Amino acid sequence: VKRPEDVEDVLQMPLLGVVPDFDKMK
């Protein structure tokens, strides 16, 4: 099981490309 910190680090990679869409969802 990865630590929350590791998961957050891994999620940041795909999120960088999804940030524009993520902001629209807010």
PDB file of N, CA and C in Angstrom:
ATOM      1  N   VAL A   1       0.857  -1.214   0.000  1.00  0.00           N
ATOM      2  CA  VAL A   1       0.000   0.000   0.000  1.00  0.00           C
ATOM      3  C   VAL A   1       0.882   1.249   0.000  1.00  0.00           C
ATOM      4  N   LYS A   2       0.653   2.110  -0.963  1.00  0.00           N
ATOM      5  CA  LYS A   2       1.464   3.338  -1.038  1.00  0.00           C
ATOM      6  C   LYS A   2       0.988   4.354  -0.003  1.00  0.00           C
ATOM      7  N   ARG A   3       1.912   5.136   0.468  1.00  0.00           N
ATOM      8  CA  ARG A   3       1.546   6.183   1.442  1.00  0.00           C
ATOM      9  C   ARG A   3       0.794   7.299   0.725  1.00  0.00           C
ATOM     10  N   PRO A   4      -0.075   8.001   1.441  1.00  0.00           N
ATOM     11  CA  PRO A   4      -0.832   9.117   0.833  1.00  0.00           C
ATOM     12  C   PRO A   4       0.109  10.079   0.102  1.00  0.00           C
ATOM     13  N   GLU A   5       1.286  10.310   0.676  1.00  0.00           N
ATOM     14  CA  GLU A   5       2.242  11.231   0.042  1.00  0.00           C
ATOM     15  C   GLU A   5       2.671  10.692  -1.316  1.00  0.00           C
ATOM     16  N   ASP A   6       2.944   9.378  -1.388  1.00  0.00           N
ATOM     17  CA  ASP A   6       3.363   8.769  -2.659  1.00  0.00           C
ATOM     18  C   ASP A   6       2.222   8.840  -3.670  1.00  0.00           C
ATOM     19  N   VAL A   7       1.011   8.530  -3.209  1.00  0.00           N
ATOM     20  CA  VAL A   7      -0.149   8.550  -4.111  1.00  0.00           C
ATOM     21  C   VAL A   7      -0.350   9.960  -4.659  1.00  0.00           C
ATOM     22  N   GLU A   8      -0.227  10.948  -3.779  1.00  0.00           N
ATOM     23  CA  GLU A   8      -0.418  12.338  -4.210  1.00  0.00           C
ATOM     24  C   GLU A   8       0.638  12.703  -5.248  1.00  0.00           C
ATOM     25  N   ASP A   9       1.874  12.224  -5.022  1.00  0.00           N
ATOM     26  CA  ASP A   9       2.965  12.506  -5.961  1.00  0.00           C
ATOM     27  C   ASP A   9       2.649  11.898  -7.324  1.00  0.00           C
ATOM     28  N   VAL A  10       2.159  10.660  -7.324  1.00  0.00           N
ATOM     29  CA  VAL A  10       1.850   9.966  -8.585  1.00  0.00           C
ATOM     30  C   VAL A  10       0.664  10.629  -9.280  1.00  0.00           C
ATOM     31  N   LEU A  11      -0.325  11.061  -8.489  1.00  0.00           N
ATOM     32  CA  LEU A  11      -1.520  11.670  -9.080  1.00  0.00           C
ATOM     33  C   LEU A  11      -1.183  13.011  -9.720  1.00  0.00           C
ATOM     34  N   GLN A  12      -0.170  13.681  -9.195  1.00  0.00           N
ATOM     35  CA  GLN A  12       0.177  15.005  -9.730  1.00  0.00           C
ATOM     36  C   GLN A  12       0.570  14.909 -11.203  1.00  0.00           C
ATOM     37  N   MET A  13       1.189  13.806 -11.613  1.00  0.00           N
ATOM     38  CA  MET A  13       1.623  13.677 -13.015  1.00  0.00           C
ATOM     39  C   MET A  13       0.436  13.746 -13.981  1.00  0.00           C
ATOM     40  N   PRO A  14      -0.565  12.863 -13.856  1.00  0.00           N
ATOM     41  CA  PRO A  14      -1.717  12.925 -14.757  1.00  0.00           C
ATOM     42  C   PRO A  14      -2.536  14.189 -14.515  1.00  0.00           C
ATOM     43  N   LEU A  15      -2.597  14.650 -13.271  1.00  0.00           N
ATOM     44  CA  LEU A  15      -3.394  15.843 -12.955  1.00  0.00           C
ATOM     45  C   LEU A  15      -2.842  17.067 -13.690  1.00  0.00           C
ATOM     46  N   LEU A  16      -1.528  17.101 -13.900  1.00  0.00           N
ATOM     47  CA  LEU A  16      -0.934  18.257 -14.586  1.00  0.00           C
ATOM     48  C   LEU A  16      -1.589  18.437 -15.952  1.00  0.00           C
ATOM     49  N   GLY A  17      -1.955  17.335 -16.608  1.00  0.00           N
ATOM     50  CA  GLY A  17      -2.574  17.427 -17.926  1.00  0.00           C
ATOM     51  C   GLY A  17      -4.084  17.584 -17.819  1.00  0.00           C
ATOM     52  N   VAL A  18      -4.621  17.297 -16.628  1.00  0.00           N
ATOM     53  CA  VAL A  18      -6.078  17.363 -16.437  1.00  0.00           C
ATOM     54  C   VAL A  18      -6.475  18.635 -15.697  1.00  0.00           C
ATOM     55  N   VAL A  19      -5.488  19.403 -15.256  1.00  0.00           N
ATOM     56  CA  VAL A  19      -5.773  20.615 -14.471  1.00  0.00           C
ATOM     57  C   VAL A  19      -6.794  21.520 -15.157  1.00  0.00           C
ATOM     58  N   PRO A  20      -6.627  21.820 -16.459  1.00  0.00           N
ATOM     59  CA  PRO A  20      -7.595  22.694 -17.139  1.00  0.00           C
ATOM     60  C   PRO A  20      -9.016  22.148 -17.029  1.00  0.00           C
ATOM     61  N   ASP A  21      -9.191  20.845 -17.260  1.00  0.00           N
ATOM     62  CA  ASP A  21     -10.522  20.239 -17.168  1.00  0.00           C
ATOM     63  C   ASP A  21     -10.974  20.223 -15.713  1.00  0.00           C
ATOM     64  N   PHE A  22     -10.038  19.960 -14.800  1.00  0.00           N
ATOM     65  CA  PHE A  22     -10.377  19.885 -13.372  1.00  0.00           C
ATOM     66  C   PHE A  22     -10.904  21.235 -12.890  1.00  0.00           C
ATOM     67  N   ASP A  23     -10.289  22.323 -13.358  1.00  0.00           N
ATOM     68  CA  ASP A  23     -10.732  23.655 -12.949  1.00  0.00           C
ATOM     69  C   ASP A  23     -12.151  23.910 -13.460  1.00  0.00           C
ATOM     70  N   LYS A  24     -12.455  23.420 -14.657  1.00  0.00           N
ATOM     71  CA  LYS A  24     -13.791  23.623 -15.226  1.00  0.00           C
ATOM     72  C   LYS A  24     -14.841  22.884 -14.408  1.00  0.00           C
ATOM     73  N   MET A  25     -14.445  21.747 -13.811  1.00  0.00           N
ATOM     74  CA  MET A  25     -15.395  20.942 -13.037  1.00  0.00           C
ATOM     75  C   MET A  25     -15.763  21.639 -11.731  1.00  0.00           C
ATOM     76  N   LYS A  26     -14.858  22.464 -11.207  1.00  0.00           N
ATOM     77  CA  LYS A  26     -15.115  23.139  -9.924  1.00  0.00           C
ATOM     78  C   LYS A  26     -16.315  24.071 -10.046  1.00  0.00           C
TER      79      LYS A  26
END
